[in-house]
C-alpha atoms as a PDB file:
ATOM      1  CA  MET A   1      -0.327  -0.261  -0.076  1.00  0.00           C
ATOM      2  CA  ARG A   2       3.262   2.447   0.121  1.00  0.00           C
ATOM      3  CA  ARG A   3       2.874   3.114  -3.479  1.00  0.00           C
ATOM      4  CA  ALA A   4      -0.523   3.945  -3.346  1.00  0.00           C
ATOM      5  CA  LEU A   5       0.129   6.272  -0.497  1.00  0.00           C
ATOM      6  CA  ASP A   6       2.685   8.002  -2.265  1.00  0.00           C
ATOM      7  CA  ASP A   7       0.660   8.430  -5.751  1.00  0.00           C
ATOM      8  CA  TYR A   8      -1.928  10.127  -3.745  1.00  0.00           C
ATOM      9  CA  ASP A   9       0.047  12.078  -1.555  1.00  0.00           C
ATOM     10  CA  ARG A  10       0.670  13.989  -4.741  1.00  0.00           C
ATOM     11  CA  MET A  11      -2.716  14.613  -5.461  1.00  0.00           C
ATOM     12  CA  ALA A  12      -5.282  14.180  -1.953  1.00  0.00           C
ATOM     13  CA  ASP A  13      -6.624  17.113  -2.361  1.00  0.00           C
ATOM     14  CA  VAL A  14      -7.109  17.246  -6.302  1.00  0.00           C
ATOM     15  CA  TYR A  15      -8.356  13.738  -5.812  1.00  0.00           C
ATOM     16  CA  ALA A  16     -10.878  14.619  -3.479  1.00  0.00           C
ATOM     17  CA  ASN A  17     -12.420  17.476  -5.371  1.00  0.00           C
ATOM     18  CA  ASP A  18     -12.417  15.724  -8.648  1.00  0.00           C
ATOM     19  CA  ALA A  19     -14.667  13.029  -6.849  1.00  0.00           C
ATOM     20  CA  ASP A  20     -17.298  15.187  -5.938  1.00  0.00           C
ATOM     21  CA  THR A  21     -17.980  15.476  -9.817  1.00  0.00           C
ATOM     22  CA  ASP A  22     -16.633  12.701 -11.704  1.00  0.00           C
ATOM     23  CA  PRO A  23     -19.316  10.797 -13.386  1.00  0.00           C
ATOM     24  CA  ILE A  24     -17.319   7.540 -13.143  1.00  0.00           C
ATOM     25  CA  LYS A  25     -17.953   7.653  -9.352  1.00  0.00           C
ATOM     26  CA  VAL A  26     -20.750  10.115  -9.016  1.00  0.00           C
ATOM     27  CA  SER A  27     -22.820   7.909 -11.721  1.00  0.00           C
ATOM     28  CA  TYR A  28     -21.655   4.528 -12.362  1.00  0.00           C
ATOM     29  CA  ASP A  29     -19.163   2.996  -9.163  1.00  0.00           C
ATOM     30  CA  ARG A  30     -21.526   4.552  -6.221  1.00  0.00           C
ATOM     31  CA  PRO A  31     -24.806   3.760  -7.469  1.00  0.00           C
ATOM     32  CA  THR A  32     -23.584   0.237  -7.562  1.00  0.00           C
ATOM     33  CA  ILE A  33     -22.332  -0.117  -4.750  1.00  0.00           C
ATOM     34  CA  LEU A  34     -24.989   1.372  -3.125  1.00  0.00           C
ATOM     35  CA  ALA A  35     -27.563  -1.244  -5.635  1.00  0.00           C
ATOM     36  CA  MET A  36     -25.421  -3.891  -3.928  1.00  0.00           C
ATOM     37  CA  ALA A  37     -26.016  -2.957   0.036  1.00  0.00           C
ATOM     38  CA  GLY A  38     -29.560  -2.373  -0.169  1.00  0.00           C
ATOM     39  CA  ASP A  39     -31.345  -1.277   2.827  1.00  0.00           C
ATOM     40  CA  VAL A  40     -28.572  -0.332   4.779  1.00  0.00           C
ATOM     41  CA  ARG A  41     -30.511   1.144   7.934  1.00  0.00           C
ATOM     42  CA  GLY A  42     -29.108   0.486  11.535  1.00  0.00           C
ATOM     43  CA  LYS A  43     -26.258  -1.821   9.488  1.00  0.00           C
ATOM     44  CA  ARG A  44     -22.611  -1.258  10.509  1.00  0.00           C
ATOM     45  CA  VAL A  45     -20.803  -0.545   7.431  1.00  0.00           C
ATOM     46  CA  LEU A  46     -16.844  -0.416   7.001  1.00  0.00           C
ATOM     47  CA  ASP A  47     -15.933   2.005   4.041  1.00  0.00           C
ATOM     48  CA  ALA A  48     -12.359   0.376   3.597  1.00  0.00           C
ATOM     49  CA  GLY A  49     -10.555   2.984   1.676  1.00  0.00           C
ATOM     50  CA  CYS A  50     -12.976   5.858   2.064  1.00  0.00           C
ATOM     51  CA  ALA A  51     -11.038   8.360   0.762  1.00  0.00           C
ATOM     52  CA  SER A  52     -12.580  11.702   1.210  1.00  0.00           C
ATOM     53  CA  GLY A  53     -15.665  10.269   2.658  1.00  0.00           C
ATOM     54  CA  ASN A  54     -18.311  10.751  -0.668  1.00  0.00           C
ATOM     55  CA  LEU A  55     -19.741   7.104  -0.479  1.00  0.00           C
ATOM     56  CA  THR A  56     -19.333   7.659   3.385  1.00  0.00           C
ATOM     57  CA  GLU A  57     -21.858  10.325   3.230  1.00  0.00           C
ATOM     58  CA  LEU A  58     -23.786   8.252   1.190  1.00  0.00           C
ATOM     59  CA  LEU A  59     -23.883   5.526   3.487  1.00  0.00           C
ATOM     60  CA  VAL A  60     -24.571   7.662   6.363  1.00  0.00           C
ATOM     61  CA  GLU A  61     -27.862   9.697   4.349  1.00  0.00           C
ATOM     62  CA  ARG A  62     -29.348   5.995   4.284  1.00  0.00           C
ATOM     63  CA  GLN A  63     -28.685   5.493   7.955  1.00  0.00           C
ATOM     64  CA  ALA A  64     -26.340   3.126   8.091  1.00  0.00           C
ATOM     65  CA  ILE A  65     -23.594   3.614  11.053  1.00  0.00           C
ATOM     66  CA  VAL A  66     -20.277   3.906   9.432  1.00  0.00           C
ATOM     67  CA  VAL A  67     -16.562   3.510   9.980  1.00  0.00           C
ATOM     68  CA  GLY A  68     -14.035   4.861   7.481  1.00  0.00           C
ATOM     69  CA  VAL A  69     -10.537   3.882   6.915  1.00  0.00           C
ATOM     70  CA  ASP A  70      -8.057   5.104   4.766  1.00  0.00           C
ATOM     71  CA  VAL A  71      -4.181   5.155   4.344  1.00  0.00           C
ATOM     72  CA  ASN A  72      -3.757   8.528   3.485  1.00  0.00           C
ATOM     73  CA  SER A  73      -4.047  11.118   5.897  1.00  0.00           C
ATOM     74  CA  ARG A  74      -5.187  14.021   3.888  1.00  0.00           C
ATOM     75  CA  LEU A  75      -8.298  12.199   2.587  1.00  0.00           C
ATOM     76  CA  VAL A  76      -9.152  11.241   6.051  1.00  0.00           C
ATOM     77  CA  GLU A  77      -9.113  14.955   7.008  1.00  0.00           C
ATOM     78  CA  ARG A  78     -11.263  15.985   3.838  1.00  0.00           C
ATOM     79  CA  ALA A  79     -13.422  13.325   4.745  1.00  0.00           C
ATOM     80  CA  ARG A  80     -13.552  14.665   8.503  1.00  0.00           C
ATOM     81  CA  GLU A  81     -14.616  18.091   6.995  1.00  0.00           C
ATOM     82  CA  ARG A  82     -17.333  16.562   4.886  1.00  0.00           C
ATOM     83  CA  LEU A  83     -18.747  14.287   8.095  1.00  0.00           C
ATOM     84  CA  ALA A  84     -18.036  15.780  11.278  1.00  0.00           C
ATOM     85  CA  ASP A  85     -19.085  13.259  13.751  1.00  0.00           C
ATOM     86  CA  ARG A  86     -21.682  11.240  11.364  1.00  0.00           C
ATOM     87  CA  ALA A  87     -19.206   8.881  11.037  1.00  0.00           C
ATOM     88  CA  GLU A  88     -15.886   7.322  12.491  1.00  0.00           C
ATOM     89  CA  LEU A  89     -12.700   8.181  10.347  1.00  0.00           C
ATOM     90  CA  VAL A  90      -9.561   6.368  10.855  1.00  0.00           C
ATOM     91  CA  VAL A  91      -6.128   6.962   9.127  1.00  0.00           C
ATOM     92  CA  ALA A  92      -5.525   2.505   8.432  1.00  0.00           C
ATOM     93  CA  ASP A  93      -3.614   0.479   6.030  1.00  0.00           C
ATOM     94  CA  ILE A  94      -6.253  -2.268   4.941  1.00  0.00           C
ATOM     95  CA  SER A  95      -3.473  -4.449   4.401  1.00  0.00           C
ATOM     96  CA  ALA A  96      -2.136  -5.044   7.623  1.00  0.00           C
ATOM     97  CA  PRO A  97      -4.261  -5.836  10.116  1.00  0.00           C
ATOM     98  CA  MET A  98      -7.126  -3.583  12.070  1.00  0.00           C
ATOM     99  CA  PRO A  99      -6.835  -4.570  15.638  1.00  0.00           C
ATOM    100  CA  PHE A 100      -9.243  -1.413  16.576  1.00  0.00           C
ATOM    101  CA  LEU A 101     -12.105  -2.999  14.419  1.00  0.00           C
ATOM    102  CA  GLU A 102     -13.858  -5.863  16.849  1.00  0.00           C
ATOM    103  CA  SER A 103     -14.081  -9.289  15.235  1.00  0.00           C
ATOM    104  CA  GLY A 104     -17.707  -9.913  14.393  1.00  0.00           C
ATOM    105  CA  SER A 105     -18.915  -6.578  14.365  1.00  0.00           C
ATOM    106  CA  PHE A 106     -20.137  -5.291  10.878  1.00  0.00           C
ATOM    107  CA  ASP A 107     -23.047  -6.207   8.684  1.00  0.00           C
ATOM    108  CA  ILE A 108     -20.920  -4.827   5.609  1.00  0.00           C
ATOM    109  CA  VAL A 109     -17.791  -4.025   4.328  1.00  0.00           C
ATOM    110  CA  VAL A 110     -17.594  -1.978   1.446  1.00  0.00           C
ATOM    111  CA  ALA A 111     -13.725  -1.858  -0.432  1.00  0.00           C
ATOM    112  CA  SER A 112     -14.927   0.598  -3.736  1.00  0.00           C
ATOM    113  CA  LEU A 113     -12.148   1.296  -5.832  1.00  0.00           C
ATOM    114  CA  VAL A 114      -9.219   0.218  -3.197  1.00  0.00           C
ATOM    115  CA  LEU A 115      -8.096  -3.425  -3.816  1.00  0.00           C
ATOM    116  CA  HIS A 116      -6.265  -3.104  -6.728  1.00  0.00           C
ATOM    117  CA  TYR A 117      -3.835  -0.780  -4.952  1.00  0.00           C
ATOM    118  CA  LEU A 118      -2.889  -4.099  -3.005  1.00  0.00           C
ATOM    119  CA  ALA A 119      -0.068  -6.762  -4.276  1.00  0.00           C
ATOM    120  CA  ASP A 120      -1.568  -9.804  -2.379  1.00  0.00           C
ATOM    121  CA  TRP A 121      -5.655  -9.139  -1.460  1.00  0.00           C
ATOM    122  CA  ARG A 122      -5.165 -12.363   0.914  1.00  0.00           C
ATOM    123  CA  PRO A 123      -4.363 -10.544   4.460  1.00  0.00           C
ATOM    124  CA  THR A 124      -6.819  -7.627   3.760  1.00  0.00           C
ATOM    125  CA  LEU A 125      -9.950 -10.246   2.692  1.00  0.00           C
ATOM    126  CA  ARG A 126      -9.163 -12.381   5.787  1.00  0.00           C
ATOM    127  CA  GLU A 127      -9.327  -9.441   7.692  1.00  0.00           C
ATOM    128  CA  PHE A 128     -12.429  -8.207   6.379  1.00  0.00           C
ATOM    129  CA  ALA A 129     -13.823 -11.661   7.280  1.00  0.00           C
ATOM    130  CA  ARG A 130     -12.825 -11.722  10.417  1.00  0.00           C
ATOM    131  CA  ILE A 131     -14.527  -8.128  11.243  1.00  0.00           C
ATOM    132  CA  LEU A 132     -17.798  -9.442   9.176  1.00  0.00           C
ATOM    133  CA  ARG A 133     -20.479 -11.125  11.331  1.00  0.00           C
ATOM    134  CA  PRO A 134     -21.859 -14.453  10.135  1.00  0.00           C
ATOM    135  CA  ASP A 135     -23.858 -13.858   6.193  1.00  0.00           C
ATOM    136  CA  GLY A 136     -22.203 -10.468   6.624  1.00  0.00           C
ATOM    137  CA  SER A 137     -21.499  -9.290   3.064  1.00  0.00           C
ATOM    138  CA  LEU A 138     -18.259  -8.118   0.832  1.00  0.00           C
ATOM    139  CA  LEU A 139     -19.252  -5.277  -1.869  1.00  0.00           C
ATOM    140  CA  VAL A 140     -16.220  -4.957  -4.110  1.00  0.00           C
ATOM    141  CA  SER A 141     -15.748  -2.207  -7.241  1.00  0.00           C
ATOM    142  CA  THR A 142     -12.179  -2.650  -8.454  1.00  0.00           C
ATOM    143  CA  HIS A 143     -10.414  -2.741 -12.130  1.00  0.00           C
ATOM    144  CA  HIS A 144     -11.900  -5.252 -14.626  1.00  0.00           C
ATOM    145  CA  PRO A 145      -9.226  -7.559 -15.489  1.00  0.00           C
ATOM    146  CA  THR A 146     -10.260  -7.406 -18.965  1.00  0.00           C
ATOM    147  CA  GLN A 147     -10.399  -3.583 -18.980  1.00  0.00           C
ATOM    148  CA  ASP A 148      -7.267  -2.403 -16.790  1.00  0.00           C
ATOM    149  CA  ILE A 149      -4.513  -4.129 -19.101  1.00  0.00           C
ATOM    150  CA  SER A 150      -5.893  -2.166 -22.056  1.00  0.00           C
ATOM    151  CA  ILE A 151      -3.840   1.024 -20.925  1.00  0.00           C
ATOM    152  CA  THR A 152      -0.445  -0.880 -21.434  1.00  0.00           C
ATOM    153  CA  GLU A 153       1.349  -1.110 -24.951  1.00  0.00           C
ATOM    154  CA  PRO A 154       2.272  -3.858 -25.856  1.00  0.00           C
ATOM    155  CA  PRO A 155      -1.336  -5.100 -23.673  1.00  0.00           C
ATOM    156  CA  ALA A 156      -0.262  -6.631 -20.128  1.00  0.00           C
ATOM    157  CA  PRO A 157       0.128 -10.075 -19.858  1.00  0.00           C
ATOM    158  CA  TYR A 158      -3.647 -11.290 -18.723  1.00  0.00           C
ATOM    159  CA  PHE A 159      -2.515 -14.667 -17.148  1.00  0.00           C
ATOM    160  CA  GLU A 160      -0.397 -12.642 -14.558  1.00  0.00           C
ATOM    161  CA  THR A 161      -0.532 -10.594 -11.431  1.00  0.00           C
ATOM    162  CA  VAL A 162       1.368  -7.570 -13.007  1.00  0.00           C
ATOM    163  CA  LEU A 163       1.998  -3.829 -11.455  1.00  0.00           C
ATOM    164  CA  LEU A 164       0.983  -1.497 -14.280  1.00  0.00           C
ATOM    165  CA  THR A 165       0.969   2.371 -14.241  1.00  0.00           C
ATOM    166  CA  ASP A 166      -1.701   4.538 -15.712  1.00  0.00           C
ATOM    167  CA  THR A 167      -1.389   8.650 -16.000  1.00  0.00           C
ATOM    168  CA  TRP A 168      -4.358  10.335 -15.064  1.00  0.00           C
ATOM    169  CA  ASN A 169      -5.134  14.322 -16.380  1.00  0.00           C
ATOM    170  CA  LYS A 170      -6.853  16.113 -13.344  1.00  0.00           C
ATOM    171  CA  ASP A 171      -6.610  20.156 -12.681  1.00  0.00           C
ATOM    172  CA  GLY A 172      -4.467  20.593 -16.026  1.00  0.00           C
ATOM    173  CA  ARG A 173      -1.589  18.048 -14.261  1.00  0.00           C
ATOM    174  CA  GLU A 174      -0.301  14.502 -15.025  1.00  0.00           C
ATOM    175  CA  TYR A 175      -0.270  12.114 -12.645  1.00  0.00           C
ATOM    176  CA  ARG A 176       1.181   8.872 -12.427  1.00  0.00           C
ATOM    177  CA  VAL A 177      -0.761   6.103 -10.654  1.00  0.00           C
ATOM    178  CA  HIS A 178       0.322   2.304  -9.818  1.00  0.00           C
ATOM    179  CA  PHE A 179      -1.991  -0.605  -9.445  1.00  0.00           C
ATOM    180  CA  TYR A 180      -2.132  -4.562  -9.887  1.00  0.00           C
ATOM    181  CA  HIS A 181      -3.784  -6.412 -12.773  1.00  0.00           C
ATOM    182  CA  ARG A 182      -4.828  -9.734 -11.712  1.00  0.00           C
ATOM    183  CA  PRO A 183      -6.690 -12.222 -13.681  1.00  0.00           C
ATOM    184  CA  MET A 184     -10.578 -12.844 -12.643  1.00  0.00           C
ATOM    185  CA  SER A 185      -9.916 -16.570 -11.680  1.00  0.00           C
ATOM    186  CA  ALA A 186      -7.076 -14.861  -9.075  1.00  0.00           C
ATOM    187  CA  ILE A 187      -9.619 -12.369  -7.849  1.00  0.00           C
ATOM    188  CA  ILE A 188     -12.519 -15.051  -7.325  1.00  0.00           C
ATOM    189  CA  ASP A 189      -9.797 -17.698  -5.881  1.00  0.00           C
ATOM    190  CA  ALA A 190      -8.624 -14.875  -3.355  1.00  0.00           C
ATOM    191  CA  LEU A 191     -12.355 -13.916  -2.112  1.00  0.00           C
ATOM    192  CA  ARG A 192     -12.845 -18.165  -1.914  1.00  0.00           C
ATOM    193  CA  ASN A 193     -10.059 -18.684   0.226  1.00  0.00           C
ATOM    194  CA  ALA A 194     -10.374 -16.120   2.876  1.00  0.00           C
ATOM    195  CA  GLY A 195     -14.081 -17.470   3.261  1.00  0.00           C
ATOM    196  CA  PHE A 196     -16.397 -16.055   0.921  1.00  0.00           C
ATOM    197  CA  LEU A 197     -18.661 -16.789  -1.439  1.00  0.00           C
ATOM    198  CA  VAL A 198     -19.784 -14.511  -4.584  1.00  0.00           C
ATOM    199  CA  GLU A 199     -23.205 -13.951  -4.848  1.00  0.00           C
ATOM    200  CA  ARG A 200     -23.441 -10.803  -7.710  1.00  0.00           C
ATOM    201  CA  ILE A 201     -21.326  -9.921 -10.483  1.00  0.00           C
ATOM    202  CA  PRO A 202     -23.786  -7.203 -11.540  1.00  0.00           C
ATOM    203  CA  GLU A 203     -22.600  -5.287 -14.876  1.00  0.00           C
ATOM    204  CA  PRO A 204     -24.264  -2.093 -14.686  1.00  0.00           C
ATOM    205  CA  VAL A 205     -24.360  -0.106 -18.203  1.00  0.00           C
ATOM    206  CA  PRO A 206     -24.024   3.696 -17.834  1.00  0.00           C
ATOM    207  CA  ASP A 207     -26.107   6.250 -18.231  1.00  0.00           C
ATOM    208  CA  GLN A 208     -25.725   8.268 -21.476  1.00  0.00           C
ATOM    209  CA  SER A 209     -26.941  11.546 -19.830  1.00  0.00           C
ATOM    210  CA  ASP A 210     -24.518  11.292 -16.775  1.00  0.00           C
ATOM    211  CA  PHE A 211     -22.014  11.284 -19.407  1.00  0.00           C
ATOM    212  CA  ALA A 212     -23.305  14.388 -21.423  1.00  0.00           C
ATOM    213  CA  ARG A 213     -20.066  16.364 -21.375  1.00  0.00           C
ATOM    214  CA  VAL A 214     -17.630  13.363 -21.778  1.00  0.00           C
ATOM    215  CA  PRO A 215     -19.084  11.288 -24.728  1.00  0.00           C
ATOM    216  CA  ALA A 216     -16.231   9.547 -25.895  1.00  0.00           C
ATOM    217  CA  LEU A 217     -15.905   8.564 -22.581  1.00  0.00           C
ATOM    218  CA  TYR A 218     -18.832   7.672 -22.459  1.00  0.00           C
ATOM    219  CA  GLU A 219     -18.528   5.519 -25.687  1.00  0.00           C
ATOM    220  CA  ARG A 220     -15.443   3.998 -24.393  1.00  0.00           C
ATOM    221  CA  MET A 221     -17.298   2.619 -20.958  1.00  0.00           C
ATOM    222  CA  THR A 222     -20.036   1.041 -23.147  1.00  0.00           C
ATOM    223  CA  ARG A 223     -17.588  -1.236 -25.084  1.00  0.00           C
ATOM    224  CA  GLY A 224     -16.893  -3.553 -22.211  1.00  0.00           C
ATOM    225  CA  PRO A 225     -17.020  -3.697 -18.420  1.00  0.00           C
ATOM    226  CA  TRP A 226     -15.224  -0.865 -17.045  1.00  0.00           C
ATOM    227  CA  PHE A 227     -15.217  -1.639 -13.682  1.00  0.00           C
ATOM    228  CA  LEU A 228     -15.687  -5.367 -11.822  1.00  0.00           C
ATOM    229  CA  PHE A 229     -18.690  -5.104  -9.111  1.00  0.00           C
ATOM    230  CA  ILE A 230     -18.499  -8.490  -6.448  1.00  0.00           C
ATOM    231  CA  ARG A 231     -21.289  -8.886  -4.448  1.00  0.00           C
ATOM    232  CA  ALA A 232     -19.681 -11.625  -1.801  1.00  0.00           C
ATOM    233  CA  VAL A 233     -21.045 -13.338   1.226  1.00  0.00           C
ATOM    234  CA  LYS A 234     -19.362 -14.624   4.411  1.00  0.00           C
ATOM    235  CA  THR A 235     -19.806 -18.436   4.371  1.00  0.00           C
ATOM    236  CA  ALA A 236     -18.569 -19.328   8.064  1.00  0.00           C
END
């Protein structure tokens, strides 16, 4: 997670500002996560990789009891500015044990666009399983393995877990961002080995009206799945 921390340290405020308006997050990722979550009233939810708290706030507005964690202290500070005392927000690395979270104390863990920054999912998924109650659910969005390799030239090998580099253009500047590609089989196996059963893999189609200002992006996103969404249930 150290590499991701370095990447986001360079653009924390730019990223937080962009997250308020980016249609991929506002109109594609977050609505899908919320649809997978269903009715969260009174449920304890961990927002793992909460960044500046956009999704955390949506969960709180739906009357969930939310703990948000993120490795970047500036993003957590931005989340606290957004949420005040409506959620518990902690600077923590989800690739390491989180002993401040009690075993079996959460109904839902949300990991929105964060797991692809981890070289090894196993300890993180085991920790998610530990803190979830029996039959608790894990909601994941991550880079789709058929999509993320398209940014490299020549294309990255699909069947390997490899570190890739992308360039983001935000606020008139370029930022280099590193993430890990892994094949679908590795993703499903990691979930199974951590004690999760995959329940659903929704494939949302973007609404064209939400991308009216970026038609080229809409066209790219409708050629195939952009993110991989997974709803998994703790099995034991």
